[in-house]
Amino acid sequence: MLIYLYKDVQQVNLVDFVGRYENLQKDFDIHFGGITLEVINKTKHKFYTYYYDEESINKVYTLCKEDIDVFKYEYGE
């Protein structure tokens, strides 16, 4: 759960930027210009929704609710 990595016990932000994996290269370009990230160990697999049933969807939401809400993630996107 990412949210706990950048807030202190009083829920105060400890960082001024949190990069998103889905925008990783773009975020690096903006904040760390000149660094090109190399893709290694790439695997082939089906879209993540293939691996989830209703129970696992609910479990992930329960465990990661704050991150999902803060970053406005939606299942299937």
PDB file of N, CA and C in Angstrom:
ATOM      1  N   MET A   1       0.830  -1.166   0.000  1.00  0.00           N
ATOM      2  CA  MET A   1       0.000   0.000   0.000  1.00  0.00           C
ATOM      3  C   MET A   1       0.881   1.237   0.000  1.00  0.00           C
ATOM      4  N   LEU A   2       0.920   1.863  -1.103  1.00  0.00           N
ATOM      5  CA  LEU A   2       1.801   2.995  -1.337  1.00  0.00           C
ATOM      6  C   LEU A   2       1.542   4.165  -0.413  1.00  0.00           C
ATOM      7  N   ILE A   3       0.326   4.439  -0.087  1.00  0.00           N
ATOM      8  CA  ILE A   3      -0.019   5.634   0.685  1.00  0.00           C
ATOM      9  C   ILE A   3       0.763   5.693   1.993  1.00  0.00           C
ATOM     10  N   TYR A   4       1.041   4.563   2.593  1.00  0.00           N
ATOM     11  CA  TYR A   4       1.741   4.532   3.863  1.00  0.00           C
ATOM     12  C   TYR A   4       3.232   4.821   3.713  1.00  0.00           C
ATOM     13  N   LEU A   5       3.737   4.775   2.524  1.00  0.00           N
ATOM     14  CA  LEU A   5       5.152   5.023   2.302  1.00  0.00           C
ATOM     15  C   LEU A   5       5.482   6.507   2.257  1.00  0.00           C
ATOM     16  N   TYR A   6       4.501   7.346   2.044  1.00  0.00           N
ATOM     17  CA  TYR A   6       4.805   8.763   1.912  1.00  0.00           C
ATOM     18  C   TYR A   6       4.054   9.667   2.888  1.00  0.00           C
ATOM     19  N   LYS A   7       3.450   9.088   3.913  1.00  0.00           N
ATOM     20  CA  LYS A   7       2.805   9.882   4.957  1.00  0.00           C
ATOM     21  C   LYS A   7       3.337   9.456   6.315  1.00  0.00           C
ATOM     22  N   ASP A   8       3.410  10.408   7.240  1.00  0.00           N
ATOM     23  CA  ASP A   8       3.851  10.058   8.587  1.00  0.00           C
ATOM     24  C   ASP A   8       2.656   9.601   9.421  1.00  0.00           C
ATOM     25  N   VAL A   9       2.878   9.339  10.695  1.00  0.00           N
ATOM     26  CA  VAL A   9       1.817   8.795  11.539  1.00  0.00           C
ATOM     27  C   VAL A   9       0.638   9.755  11.712  1.00  0.00           C
ATOM     28  N   GLN A  10       0.877  11.052  11.495  1.00  0.00           N
ATOM     29  CA  GLN A  10      -0.218  12.029  11.556  1.00  0.00           C
ATOM     30  C   GLN A  10      -0.856  12.247  10.180  1.00  0.00           C
ATOM     31  N   GLN A  11      -0.474  11.391   9.202  1.00  0.00           N
ATOM     32  CA  GLN A  11      -0.993  11.450   7.836  1.00  0.00           C
ATOM     33  C   GLN A  11      -0.571  12.721   7.096  1.00  0.00           C
ATOM     34  N   VAL A  12       0.580  13.277   7.453  1.00  0.00           N
ATOM     35  CA  VAL A  12       1.133  14.438   6.772  1.00  0.00           C
ATOM     36  C   VAL A  12       2.047  13.944   5.650  1.00  0.00           C
ATOM     37  N   ASN A  13       1.902  14.550   4.454  1.00  0.00           N
ATOM     38  CA  ASN A  13       2.741  14.155   3.328  1.00  0.00           C
ATOM     39  C   ASN A  13       4.208  14.388   3.630  1.00  0.00           C
ATOM     40  N   LEU A  14       5.033  13.395   3.342  1.00  0.00           N
ATOM     41  CA  LEU A  14       6.473  13.488   3.535  1.00  0.00           C
ATOM     42  C   LEU A  14       7.201  13.785   2.233  1.00  0.00           C
ATOM     43  N   VAL A  15       6.506  13.725   1.132  1.00  0.00           N
ATOM     44  CA  VAL A  15       7.097  13.968  -0.183  1.00  0.00           C
ATOM     45  C   VAL A  15       6.232  14.958  -0.947  1.00  0.00           C
ATOM     46  N   ASP A  16       6.813  15.588  -1.963  1.00  0.00           N
ATOM     47  CA  ASP A  16       6.042  16.531  -2.761  1.00  0.00           C
ATOM     48  C   ASP A  16       5.608  15.951  -4.098  1.00  0.00           C
ATOM     49  N   PHE A  17       6.017  14.705  -4.373  1.00  0.00           N
ATOM     50  CA  PHE A  17       5.622  14.065  -5.628  1.00  0.00           C
ATOM     51  C   PHE A  17       5.625  12.552  -5.443  1.00  0.00           C
ATOM     52  N   VAL A  18       4.600  11.891  -5.961  1.00  0.00           N
ATOM     53  CA  VAL A  18       4.542  10.436  -5.997  1.00  0.00           C
ATOM     54  C   VAL A  18       4.337  10.036  -7.446  1.00  0.00           C
ATOM     55  N   GLY A  19       5.335   9.369  -8.019  1.00  0.00           N
ATOM     56  CA  GLY A  19       5.227   8.902  -9.397  1.00  0.00           C
ATOM     57  C   GLY A  19       4.286   7.717  -9.497  1.00  0.00           C
ATOM     58  N   ARG A  20       3.706   7.575 -10.656  1.00  0.00           N
ATOM     59  CA  ARG A  20       2.796   6.455 -10.898  1.00  0.00           C
ATOM     60  C   ARG A  20       3.446   5.493 -11.882  1.00  0.00           C
ATOM     61  N   TYR A  21       3.349   4.233 -11.583  1.00  0.00           N
ATOM     62  CA  TYR A  21       3.999   3.227 -12.423  1.00  0.00           C
ATOM     63  C   TYR A  21       3.526   3.319 -13.869  1.00  0.00           C
ATOM     64  N   GLU A  22       2.245   3.563 -14.067  1.00  0.00           N
ATOM     65  CA  GLU A  22       1.708   3.608 -15.424  1.00  0.00           C
ATOM     66  C   GLU A  22       2.200   4.819 -16.208  1.00  0.00           C
ATOM     67  N   ASN A  23       2.824   5.782 -15.536  1.00  0.00           N
ATOM     68  CA  ASN A  23       3.407   6.961 -16.184  1.00  0.00           C
ATOM     69  C   ASN A  23       4.895   7.072 -15.873  1.00  0.00           C
ATOM     70  N   LEU A  24       5.529   5.969 -15.585  1.00  0.00           N
ATOM     71  CA  LEU A  24       6.861   5.991 -15.008  1.00  0.00           C
ATOM     72  C   LEU A  24       7.875   6.774 -15.838  1.00  0.00           C
ATOM     73  N   GLN A  25       7.978   6.490 -17.126  1.00  0.00           N
ATOM     74  CA  GLN A  25       8.963   7.206 -17.944  1.00  0.00           C
ATOM     75  C   GLN A  25       8.628   8.688 -18.022  1.00  0.00           C
ATOM     76  N   LYS A  26       7.368   9.022 -18.200  1.00  0.00           N
ATOM     77  CA  LYS A  26       6.942  10.427 -18.253  1.00  0.00           C
ATOM     78  C   LYS A  26       7.285  11.144 -16.941  1.00  0.00           C
ATOM     79  N   ASP A  27       6.997  10.502 -15.820  1.00  0.00           N
ATOM     80  CA  ASP A  27       7.301  11.100 -14.523  1.00  0.00           C
ATOM     81  C   ASP A  27       8.811  11.285 -14.335  1.00  0.00           C
ATOM     82  N   PHE A  28       9.598  10.324 -14.775  1.00  0.00           N
ATOM     83  CA  PHE A  28      11.049  10.468 -14.704  1.00  0.00           C
ATOM     84  C   PHE A  28      11.513  11.610 -15.590  1.00  0.00           C
ATOM     85  N   ASP A  29      10.929  11.738 -16.788  1.00  0.00           N
ATOM     86  CA  ASP A  29      11.309  12.823 -17.690  1.00  0.00           C
ATOM     87  C   ASP A  29      11.069  14.185 -17.052  1.00  0.00           C
ATOM     88  N   ILE A  30       9.938  14.331 -16.377  1.00  0.00           N
ATOM     89  CA  ILE A  30       9.576  15.608 -15.761  1.00  0.00           C
ATOM     90  C   ILE A  30      10.453  15.915 -14.551  1.00  0.00           C
ATOM     91  N   HIS A  31      10.685  14.935 -13.716  1.00  0.00           N
ATOM     92  CA  HIS A  31      11.341  15.177 -12.435  1.00  0.00           C
ATOM     93  C   HIS A  31      12.824  14.818 -12.383  1.00  0.00           C
ATOM     94  N   PHE A  32      13.282  13.980 -13.304  1.00  0.00           N
ATOM     95  CA  PHE A  32      14.682  13.556 -13.296  1.00  0.00           C
ATOM     96  C   PHE A  32      15.245  13.594 -14.706  1.00  0.00           C
ATOM     97  N   GLY A  33      14.895  14.607 -15.483  1.00  0.00           N
ATOM     98  CA  GLY A  33      15.246  14.718 -16.895  1.00  0.00           C
ATOM     99  C   GLY A  33      16.529  14.018 -17.303  1.00  0.00           C
ATOM    100  N   GLY A  34      16.491  13.396 -18.459  1.00  0.00           N
ATOM    101  CA  GLY A  34      17.669  12.765 -19.016  1.00  0.00           C
ATOM    102  C   GLY A  34      17.877  11.313 -18.646  1.00  0.00           C
ATOM    103  N   ILE A  35      17.021  10.754 -17.836  1.00  0.00           N
ATOM    104  CA  ILE A  35      17.157   9.348 -17.462  1.00  0.00           C
ATOM    105  C   ILE A  35      16.141   8.532 -18.264  1.00  0.00           C
ATOM    106  N   THR A  36      16.646   7.623 -19.089  1.00  0.00           N
ATOM    107  CA  THR A  36      15.766   6.733 -19.831  1.00  0.00           C
ATOM    108  C   THR A  36      15.734   5.390 -19.114  1.00  0.00           C
ATOM    109  N   LEU A  37      14.549   4.960 -18.768  1.00  0.00           N
ATOM    110  CA  LEU A  37      14.400   3.705 -18.051  1.00  0.00           C
ATOM    111  C   LEU A  37      14.442   2.534 -19.030  1.00  0.00           C
ATOM    112  N   GLU A  38      15.181   1.529 -18.666  1.00  0.00           N
ATOM    113  CA  GLU A  38      15.304   0.323 -19.484  1.00  0.00           C
ATOM    114  C   GLU A  38      14.253  -0.692 -19.057  1.00  0.00           C
ATOM    115  N   VAL A  39      13.622  -1.326 -20.028  1.00  0.00           N
ATOM    116  CA  VAL A  39      12.654  -2.377 -19.725  1.00  0.00           C
ATOM    117  C   VAL A  39      13.402  -3.709 -19.707  1.00  0.00           C
ATOM    118  N   ILE A  40      13.374  -4.374 -18.552  1.00  0.00           N
ATOM    119  CA  ILE A  40      14.013  -5.683 -18.429  1.00  0.00           C
ATOM    120  C   ILE A  40      13.030  -6.649 -17.772  1.00  0.00           C
ATOM    121  N   ASN A  41      13.231  -7.912 -18.014  1.00  0.00           N
ATOM    122  CA  ASN A  41      12.395  -8.964 -17.429  1.00  0.00           C
ATOM    123  C   ASN A  41      10.915  -8.797 -17.752  1.00  0.00           C
ATOM    124  N   LYS A  42      10.605  -8.307 -18.937  1.00  0.00           N
ATOM    125  CA  LYS A  42       9.219  -8.138 -19.340  1.00  0.00           C
ATOM    126  C   LYS A  42       8.599  -9.517 -19.587  1.00  0.00           C
ATOM    127  N   THR A  43       7.385  -9.686 -19.102  1.00  0.00           N
ATOM    128  CA  THR A  43       6.694 -10.959 -19.278  1.00  0.00           C
ATOM    129  C   THR A  43       5.449 -10.764 -20.128  1.00  0.00           C
ATOM    130  N   LYS A  44       5.010 -11.846 -20.736  1.00  0.00           N
ATOM    131  CA  LYS A  44       3.761 -11.827 -21.483  1.00  0.00           C
ATOM    132  C   LYS A  44       2.685 -12.448 -20.604  1.00  0.00           C
ATOM    133  N   HIS A  45       1.578 -11.762 -20.485  1.00  0.00           N
ATOM    134  CA  HIS A  45       0.475 -12.298 -19.710  1.00  0.00           C
ATOM    135  C   HIS A  45      -0.803 -11.601 -20.143  1.00  0.00           C
ATOM    136  N   LYS A  46      -1.906 -12.146 -19.730  1.00  0.00           N
ATOM    137  CA  LYS A  46      -3.204 -11.558 -20.047  1.00  0.00           C
ATOM    138  C   LYS A  46      -3.409 -10.286 -19.233  1.00  0.00           C
ATOM    139  N   PHE A  47      -4.372  -9.474 -19.652  1.00  0.00           N
ATOM    140  CA  PHE A  47      -4.713  -8.262 -18.921  1.00  0.00           C
ATOM    141  C   PHE A  47      -5.104  -8.648 -17.494  1.00  0.00           C
ATOM    142  N   TYR A  48      -4.725  -7.830 -16.529  1.00  0.00           N
ATOM    143  CA  TYR A  48      -4.842  -8.209 -15.117  1.00  0.00           C
ATOM    144  C   TYR A  48      -6.250  -8.621 -14.703  1.00  0.00           C
ATOM    145  N   THR A  49      -7.284  -8.100 -15.336  1.00  0.00           N
ATOM    146  CA  THR A  49      -8.650  -8.436 -14.929  1.00  0.00           C
ATOM    147  C   THR A  49      -8.961  -9.918 -15.125  1.00  0.00           C
ATOM    148  N   TYR A  50      -8.221 -10.576 -15.995  1.00  0.00           N
ATOM    149  CA  TYR A  50      -8.414 -12.002 -16.245  1.00  0.00           C
ATOM    150  C   TYR A  50      -8.164 -12.828 -14.973  1.00  0.00           C
ATOM    151  N   TYR A  51      -7.295 -12.356 -14.116  1.00  0.00           N
ATOM    152  CA  TYR A  51      -6.853 -13.113 -12.955  1.00  0.00           C
ATOM    153  C   TYR A  51      -7.667 -12.851 -11.685  1.00  0.00           C
ATOM    154  N   TYR A  52      -8.630 -11.947 -11.742  1.00  0.00           N
ATOM    155  CA  TYR A  52      -9.396 -11.558 -10.555  1.00  0.00           C
ATOM    156  C   TYR A  52     -10.836 -12.029 -10.627  1.00  0.00           C
ATOM    157  N   ASP A  53     -11.340 -12.513  -9.489  1.00  0.00           N
ATOM    158  CA  ASP A  53     -12.764 -12.782  -9.358  1.00  0.00           C
ATOM    159  C   ASP A  53     -13.326 -11.752  -8.374  1.00  0.00           C
ATOM    160  N   GLU A  54     -14.604 -11.811  -8.100  1.00  0.00           N
ATOM    161  CA  GLU A  54     -15.246 -10.817  -7.232  1.00  0.00           C
ATOM    162  C   GLU A  54     -14.599 -10.774  -5.836  1.00  0.00           C
ATOM    163  N   GLU A  55     -14.271 -11.937  -5.317  1.00  0.00           N
ATOM    164  CA  GLU A  55     -13.661 -11.991  -3.989  1.00  0.00           C
ATOM    165  C   GLU A  55     -12.297 -11.304  -3.968  1.00  0.00           C
ATOM    166  N   SER A  56     -11.466 -11.574  -4.974  1.00  0.00           N
ATOM    167  CA  SER A  56     -10.133 -10.966  -4.986  1.00  0.00           C
ATOM    168  C   SER A  56     -10.209  -9.465  -5.278  1.00  0.00           C
ATOM    169  N   ILE A  57     -11.163  -9.039  -6.082  1.00  0.00           N
ATOM    170  CA  ILE A  57     -11.367  -7.607  -6.333  1.00  0.00           C
ATOM    171  C   ILE A  57     -11.689  -6.901  -5.016  1.00  0.00           C
ATOM    172  N   ASN A  58     -12.595  -7.470  -4.262  1.00  0.00           N
ATOM    173  CA  ASN A  58     -12.987  -6.873  -2.980  1.00  0.00           C
ATOM    174  C   ASN A  58     -11.840  -6.875  -1.976  1.00  0.00           C
ATOM    175  N   LYS A  59     -11.045  -7.935  -1.968  1.00  0.00           N
ATOM    176  CA  LYS A  59      -9.909  -8.031  -1.050  1.00  0.00           C
ATOM    177  C   LYS A  59      -8.872  -6.942  -1.353  1.00  0.00           C
ATOM    178  N   VAL A  60      -8.550  -6.777  -2.633  1.00  0.00           N
ATOM    179  CA  VAL A  60      -7.593  -5.739  -3.023  1.00  0.00           C
ATOM    180  C   VAL A  60      -8.124  -4.367  -2.640  1.00  0.00           C
ATOM    181  N   TYR A  61      -9.401  -4.126  -2.893  1.00  0.00           N
ATOM    182  CA  TYR A  61      -9.978  -2.828  -2.543  1.00  0.00           C
ATOM    183  C   TYR A  61      -9.917  -2.585  -1.035  1.00  0.00           C
ATOM    184  N   THR A  62     -10.220  -3.611  -0.254  1.00  0.00           N
ATOM    185  CA  THR A  62     -10.170  -3.478   1.201  1.00  0.00           C
ATOM    186  C   THR A  62      -8.754  -3.143   1.673  1.00  0.00           C
ATOM    187  N   LEU A  63      -7.755  -3.813   1.111  1.00  0.00           N
ATOM    188  CA  LEU A  63      -6.370  -3.611   1.528  1.00  0.00           C
ATOM    189  C   LEU A  63      -5.772  -2.302   1.010  1.00  0.00           C
ATOM    190  N   CYS A  64      -6.232  -1.836  -0.147  1.00  0.00           N
ATOM    191  CA  CYS A  64      -5.598  -0.688  -0.810  1.00  0.00           C
ATOM    192  C   CYS A  64      -6.571   0.455  -1.060  1.00  0.00           C
ATOM    193  N   LYS A  65      -7.663   0.509  -0.297  1.00  0.00           N
ATOM    194  CA  LYS A  65      -8.717   1.490  -0.533  1.00  0.00           C
ATOM    195  C   LYS A  65      -8.203   2.916  -0.642  1.00  0.00           C
ATOM    196  N   GLU A  66      -7.342   3.321   0.286  1.00  0.00           N
ATOM    197  CA  GLU A  66      -6.880   4.709   0.280  1.00  0.00           C
ATOM    198  C   GLU A  66      -6.105   5.036  -0.995  1.00  0.00           C
ATOM    199  N   ASP A  67      -5.209   4.149  -1.405  1.00  0.00           N
ATOM    200  CA  ASP A  67      -4.463   4.371  -2.649  1.00  0.00           C
ATOM    201  C   ASP A  67      -5.402   4.424  -3.840  1.00  0.00           C
ATOM    202  N   ILE A  68      -6.327   3.484  -3.911  1.00  0.00           N
ATOM    203  CA  ILE A  68      -7.267   3.418  -5.029  1.00  0.00           C
ATOM    204  C   ILE A  68      -8.077   4.700  -5.109  1.00  0.00           C
ATOM    205  N   ASP A  69      -8.526   5.196  -3.972  1.00  0.00           N
ATOM    206  CA  ASP A  69      -9.318   6.421  -3.949  1.00  0.00           C
ATOM    207  C   ASP A  69      -8.480   7.658  -4.262  1.00  0.00           C
ATOM    208  N   VAL A  70      -7.315   7.772  -3.634  1.00  0.00           N
ATOM    209  CA  VAL A  70      -6.462   8.949  -3.840  1.00  0.00           C
ATOM    210  C   VAL A  70      -6.020   9.055  -5.297  1.00  0.00           C
ATOM    211  N   PHE A  71      -5.611   7.944  -5.880  1.00  0.00           N
ATOM    212  CA  PHE A  71      -5.095   7.958  -7.245  1.00  0.00           C
ATOM    213  C   PHE A  71      -6.183   7.725  -8.298  1.00  0.00           C
ATOM    214  N   LYS A  72      -7.420   7.572  -7.841  1.00  0.00           N
ATOM    215  CA  LYS A  72      -8.591   7.422  -8.717  1.00  0.00           C
ATOM    216  C   LYS A  72      -8.446   6.244  -9.681  1.00  0.00           C
ATOM    217  N   TYR A  73      -7.918   5.134  -9.142  1.00  0.00           N
ATOM    218  CA  TYR A  73      -7.844   3.914  -9.931  1.00  0.00           C
ATOM    219  C   TYR A  73      -9.226   3.320 -10.086  1.00  0.00           C
ATOM    220  N   GLU A  74      -9.471   2.719 -11.223  1.00  0.00           N
ATOM    221  CA  GLU A  74     -10.724   2.019 -11.468  1.00  0.00           C
ATOM    222  C   GLU A  74     -10.403   0.650 -12.027  1.00  0.00           C
ATOM    223  N   TYR A  75     -11.062  -0.347 -11.498  1.00  0.00           N
ATOM    224  CA  TYR A  75     -10.835  -1.715 -11.947  1.00  0.00           C
ATOM    225  C   TYR A  75     -11.123  -1.832 -13.443  1.00  0.00           C
ATOM    226  N   GLY A  76     -10.197  -2.426 -14.156  1.00  0.00           N
ATOM    227  CA  GLY A  76     -10.393  -2.654 -15.586  1.00  0.00           C
ATOM    228  C   GLY A  76      -9.777  -1.603 -16.482  1.00  0.00           C
ATOM    229  N   GLU A  77      -9.231  -0.544 -15.897  1.00  0.00           N
ATOM    230  CA  GLU A  77      -8.631   0.511 -16.725  1.00  0.00           C
ATOM    231  C   GLU A  77      -7.122   0.447 -16.695  1.00  0.00           C
TER     232      GLU A  77
END
